[in-house]
Amino acid sequence: MNAANAVRVGALFGISENNVRVTLTRLVSSHLLKIVERGDYQLGEKGQQLAKQVNAWREAESSLCDWQGDWVVATTNGLGKTNRSALRIRQRALHMMGMQQLIHDLYVRPSNFAQGTDFVRTKLLDLRLEPTAPVFRASDFASDLQQKAKTLWDVNALETCYRQGLQELEDSLERLPTLALDEAAKESYLVGDNALQQLVFDPLLPAPLADVALRQQFRNKVREYDEVGERIWFRFLAQ
């Protein structure tokens, strides 16, 4: 994207030209963007890594398998507790992999990825969890811990988000063809961004812990919406 289009995009959301240009400079400094030639930008190394993690939602369901009742565990008791930046990165990595704290410094999620613990470990490392954090599979929890583990996620809230998200996407799909191009671009971004955040941070819980069919229905609707939004944004940027 060139700087002029970035300024146009910023204007859609009430962001000044100066703020857009300052932000572009900061993103280049942090390696989220890189300059291809004067005024033209592409994703930088860190930006590509982040995009890869975000775009993983498209194939997430295909990486799952039936749950046999065991868990993937990550322990953080040997990691530092004073560096706030490291703590934020650590918590974000655990959160993005759907892991919840079972007891002090011990985080778990159902082991329902087809590639097993290695897959979770690799994803956590990609998300910048410290390499010294042990990640392993566990089973045969004591009955009280097993029951506690099953209730770590607010499944009612999660499924409510699926239903509300579906309704919001369907309503917007009906509304978008009636809007001016600028308005359609803005709405498709805001509605789509909200839906994508739900998917990126979705814990991908297995049955019977969550309604898998409802999640897949929501995910399919997001995919449909994403295609519509992409066409709108190509038209907007081509103006």
Protein backbone atom coordinates (compact mmCIF):
# COMPACT_ATOMS: atom_id res chain seq x y z
CA MET A 1 0.00 0.00 0.00
CA ASN A 2 1.26 3.49 -0.76
CA ALA A 3 1.18 6.33 1.74
CA ALA A 4 -1.57 8.18 -0.11
CA ASN A 5 -3.93 5.22 0.19
CA ALA A 6 -2.97 4.78 3.83
CA VAL A 7 -4.00 8.40 4.41
CA ARG A 8 -7.33 7.77 2.64
CA VAL A 9 -7.94 4.72 4.82
CA GLY A 10 -7.10 6.71 7.93
CA ALA A 11 -9.55 9.43 6.93
CA LEU A 12 -12.36 6.85 6.86
CA PHE A 13 -11.86 6.41 10.60
CA GLY A 14 -11.19 10.04 11.51
CA ILE A 15 -7.40 9.63 11.73
CA SER A 16 -5.39 12.66 10.61
CA GLU A 17 -2.82 12.51 7.83
CA ASN A 18 -0.07 13.43 10.27
CA ASN A 19 -0.99 10.58 12.62
CA VAL A 20 -1.05 8.10 9.73
CA ARG A 21 2.41 9.15 8.52
CA VAL A 22 3.87 9.08 12.04
CA THR A 23 2.40 5.61 12.55
CA LEU A 24 3.86 4.36 9.26
CA THR A 25 7.30 5.53 10.41
CA ARG A 26 6.89 3.75 13.75
CA LEU A 27 5.71 0.55 12.06
CA VAL A 28 8.79 0.58 9.83
CA SER A 29 11.03 1.13 12.87
CA SER A 30 9.45 -1.88 14.60
CA HIS A 31 9.84 -4.05 11.44
CA LEU A 32 6.08 -4.54 11.08
CA LEU A 33 6.36 -2.68 7.76
CA LYS A 34 9.18 -2.12 5.31
CA ILE A 35 9.65 0.49 2.62
CA VAL A 36 9.70 -0.96 -0.89
CA GLU A 37 10.39 2.40 -2.50
CA ARG A 38 9.62 5.95 -1.51
CA GLY A 39 6.00 6.07 -0.28
CA ASP A 40 5.30 2.37 -0.88
CA TYR A 41 5.08 -0.17 1.95
CA GLN A 42 4.89 -3.92 2.43
CA LEU A 43 4.69 -6.06 5.55
CA GLY A 44 8.05 -6.36 7.27
CA GLU A 45 9.44 -9.49 8.88
CA LYS A 46 7.47 -9.08 12.11
CA GLY A 47 4.39 -8.02 10.16
CA GLN A 48 4.54 -11.18 8.07
CA GLN A 49 4.84 -13.32 11.20
CA LEU A 50 1.83 -11.60 12.75
CA ALA A 51 -0.19 -11.91 9.53
CA LYS A 52 0.61 -15.62 9.41
CA GLN A 53 -0.76 -16.10 12.93
CA VAL A 54 -3.88 -14.03 12.23
CA ASN A 55 -4.62 -15.75 8.92
CA ALA A 56 -4.36 -19.19 10.52
CA TRP A 57 -8.08 -18.90 11.35
CA ARG A 58 -8.90 -19.96 7.79
CA GLU A 59 -7.60 -23.52 8.24
CA ALA A 60 -7.93 -23.86 12.01
CA GLU A 61 -10.80 -26.36 11.96
CA SER A 62 -8.88 -28.73 9.69
CA SER A 63 -6.11 -29.02 12.30
CA LEU A 64 -8.47 -30.45 14.94
CA CYS A 65 -9.28 -34.02 15.92
CA ASP A 66 -11.61 -35.75 18.38
CA TRP A 67 -10.74 -35.16 22.01
CA GLN A 68 -9.74 -38.14 24.13
CA GLY A 69 -9.86 -36.29 27.47
CA ASP A 70 -6.15 -35.43 27.81
CA TRP A 71 -4.57 -31.99 28.01
CA VAL A 72 -1.70 -29.90 26.66
CA VAL A 73 0.06 -28.22 29.57
CA ALA A 74 2.44 -25.24 29.70
CA THR A 75 4.22 -24.28 32.91
CA THR A 76 5.62 -20.81 33.57
CA ASN A 77 6.96 -21.19 37.11
CA GLY A 78 10.57 -20.96 35.94
CA LEU A 79 10.04 -17.80 33.92
CA GLY A 80 10.62 -14.19 34.96
CA LYS A 81 7.79 -12.26 36.57
CA THR A 82 9.08 -8.65 36.55
CA ASN A 83 9.43 -7.72 32.86
CA ARG A 84 6.01 -6.32 31.95
CA SER A 85 6.59 -6.53 28.21
CA ALA A 86 7.61 -10.20 28.47
CA LEU A 87 4.58 -10.90 30.66
CA ARG A 88 2.22 -9.32 28.11
CA ILE A 89 3.75 -11.34 25.27
CA ARG A 90 3.54 -14.54 27.34
CA GLN A 91 -0.10 -14.00 28.28
CA ARG A 92 -1.04 -13.15 24.70
CA ALA A 93 0.64 -16.33 23.42
CA LEU A 94 -1.16 -18.50 25.97
CA HIS A 95 -4.46 -16.73 25.30
CA MET A 96 -4.16 -17.08 21.52
CA MET A 97 -3.64 -20.83 21.97
CA GLY A 98 -6.76 -21.05 24.14
CA MET A 99 -4.85 -21.94 27.30
CA GLN A 100 -6.27 -21.17 30.75
CA GLN A 101 -4.66 -21.24 34.17
CA LEU A 102 -5.54 -24.40 36.06
CA ILE A 103 -3.37 -23.77 39.10
CA HIS A 104 -0.56 -21.32 39.80
CA ASP A 105 1.82 -21.11 36.80
CA LEU A 106 0.20 -24.10 35.08
CA TYR A 107 -1.90 -23.53 31.94
CA VAL A 108 -3.92 -26.13 30.07
CA ARG A 109 -6.05 -26.67 26.99
CA PRO A 110 -7.74 -29.80 25.58
CA SER A 111 -5.35 -31.86 23.44
CA ASN A 112 -7.53 -31.82 20.33
CA PHE A 113 -5.01 -30.85 17.64
CA ALA A 114 -4.32 -33.65 15.18
CA GLN A 115 -0.56 -32.99 15.27
CA GLY A 116 -0.54 -33.21 19.06
CA THR A 117 1.61 -31.40 21.58
CA ASP A 118 4.35 -30.56 19.06
CA PHE A 119 1.85 -28.42 17.15
CA VAL A 120 0.87 -26.44 20.26
CA ARG A 121 4.51 -26.06 21.33
CA THR A 122 5.52 -24.74 17.90
CA LYS A 123 2.60 -22.30 17.80
CA LEU A 124 3.43 -21.00 21.27
CA LEU A 125 7.05 -20.45 20.25
CA ASP A 126 5.90 -18.66 17.09
CA LEU A 127 3.82 -16.43 19.35
CA ARG A 128 7.01 -15.73 21.34
CA LEU A 129 6.42 -17.77 24.47
CA GLU A 130 9.83 -18.26 26.08
CA PRO A 131 11.55 -21.42 24.73
CA THR A 132 12.38 -22.51 28.29
CA ALA A 133 8.69 -22.94 29.17
CA PRO A 134 7.92 -26.69 29.35
CA VAL A 135 5.00 -27.75 27.12
CA PHE A 136 3.77 -31.34 27.38
CA ARG A 137 0.73 -33.63 27.28
CA ALA A 138 -0.94 -34.74 30.51
CA SER A 139 -3.73 -37.15 31.43
CA ASP A 140 -5.05 -38.89 34.52
CA PHE A 141 -5.66 -35.68 36.44
CA ALA A 142 -7.28 -36.19 39.83
CA SER A 143 -11.04 -36.04 39.43
CA ASP A 144 -11.34 -32.59 41.04
CA LEU A 145 -8.66 -31.11 38.77
CA GLN A 146 -10.18 -32.80 35.72
CA GLN A 147 -13.55 -31.28 36.52
CA LYS A 148 -12.01 -27.87 37.20
CA ALA A 149 -10.13 -27.98 33.90
CA LYS A 150 -13.36 -28.59 32.00
CA THR A 151 -14.91 -25.43 33.46
CA LEU A 152 -12.04 -22.98 32.86
CA TRP A 153 -13.70 -21.51 29.74
CA ASP A 154 -16.92 -19.48 29.82
CA VAL A 155 -18.63 -21.60 27.19
CA ASN A 156 -21.99 -19.83 27.53
CA ALA A 157 -20.33 -16.48 26.73
CA LEU A 158 -18.39 -18.07 23.88
CA GLU A 159 -21.48 -19.53 22.25
CA THR A 160 -23.39 -16.28 22.76
CA CYS A 161 -20.59 -14.54 20.83
CA TYR A 162 -20.99 -17.06 18.00
CA ARG A 163 -24.74 -16.39 17.79
CA GLN A 164 -24.40 -12.62 18.04
CA GLY A 165 -21.55 -12.65 15.55
CA LEU A 166 -23.62 -14.63 13.07
CA GLN A 167 -26.48 -12.16 13.35
CA GLU A 168 -24.19 -9.15 12.99
CA LEU A 169 -22.54 -10.61 9.89
CA GLU A 170 -25.86 -11.54 8.27
CA ASP A 171 -27.34 -8.09 8.98
CA SER A 172 -24.26 -6.39 7.54
CA LEU A 173 -24.27 -8.59 4.41
CA GLU A 174 -27.80 -7.38 3.71
CA ARG A 175 -26.86 -3.75 4.37
CA LEU A 176 -23.55 -3.48 2.48
CA PRO A 177 -25.02 -3.43 -1.08
CA THR A 178 -27.16 -0.40 -0.11
CA LEU A 179 -24.23 1.70 1.16
CA ALA A 180 -21.94 4.13 -0.63
CA LEU A 181 -18.50 2.65 -1.27
CA ASP A 182 -16.78 4.64 1.51
CA GLU A 183 -19.45 3.63 4.02
CA ALA A 184 -19.34 -0.01 2.88
CA ALA A 185 -15.55 -0.09 3.25
CA LYS A 186 -15.73 1.31 6.77
CA GLU A 187 -18.52 -1.03 7.90
CA SER A 188 -16.98 -4.13 6.36
CA TYR A 189 -13.72 -3.39 8.15
CA LEU A 190 -15.31 -2.78 11.56
CA VAL A 191 -17.69 -5.74 11.42
CA GLY A 192 -15.10 -8.03 9.87
CA ASP A 193 -12.41 -7.00 12.35
CA ASN A 194 -14.70 -7.81 15.28
CA ALA A 195 -15.47 -11.25 13.84
CA LEU A 196 -11.81 -11.99 13.08
CA GLN A 197 -10.79 -11.08 16.62
CA GLN A 198 -13.27 -13.66 17.89
CA LEU A 199 -11.74 -16.30 15.63
CA VAL A 200 -8.10 -15.43 16.31
CA PHE A 201 -8.66 -15.75 20.06
CA ASP A 202 -11.11 -18.65 19.83
CA PRO A 203 -9.93 -21.51 22.09
CA LEU A 204 -11.17 -24.13 19.57
CA LEU A 205 -12.72 -26.23 22.30
CA PRO A 206 -13.80 -29.76 21.39
CA ALA A 207 -17.15 -31.43 21.94
CA PRO A 208 -18.59 -31.90 24.50
CA LEU A 209 -17.04 -28.77 26.03
CA ALA A 210 -18.48 -26.49 23.33
CA ASP A 211 -20.94 -26.49 20.42
CA VAL A 212 -18.56 -27.29 17.57
CA ALA A 213 -21.27 -27.10 14.88
CA LEU A 214 -22.20 -23.56 15.95
CA ARG A 215 -18.55 -22.48 15.84
CA GLN A 216 -18.15 -23.92 12.35
CA GLN A 217 -21.31 -22.12 11.21
CA PHE A 218 -19.91 -18.83 12.51
CA ARG A 219 -16.52 -19.51 10.91
CA ASN A 220 -18.12 -20.23 7.52
CA LYS A 221 -20.08 -16.99 7.72
CA VAL A 222 -16.88 -15.06 8.52
CA ARG A 223 -15.25 -16.62 5.46
CA GLU A 224 -18.20 -15.49 3.30
CA TYR A 225 -18.05 -11.99 4.80
CA ASP A 226 -14.30 -11.78 4.33
CA GLU A 227 -14.67 -12.42 0.60
CA VAL A 228 -17.32 -9.71 0.30
CA GLY A 229 -15.23 -7.26 2.30
CA GLU A 230 -12.15 -7.98 0.21
CA ARG A 231 -13.99 -7.08 -2.99
CA ILE A 232 -15.23 -3.84 -1.43
CA TRP A 233 -11.73 -2.85 -0.33
CA PHE A 234 -10.19 -3.60 -3.72
CA ARG A 235 -12.75 -1.25 -5.25
CA PHE A 236 -12.12 1.39 -2.60
CA LEU A 237 -8.33 1.31 -2.99
CA ALA A 238 -8.61 1.33 -6.79
CA GLN A 239 -10.50 4.65 -6.82
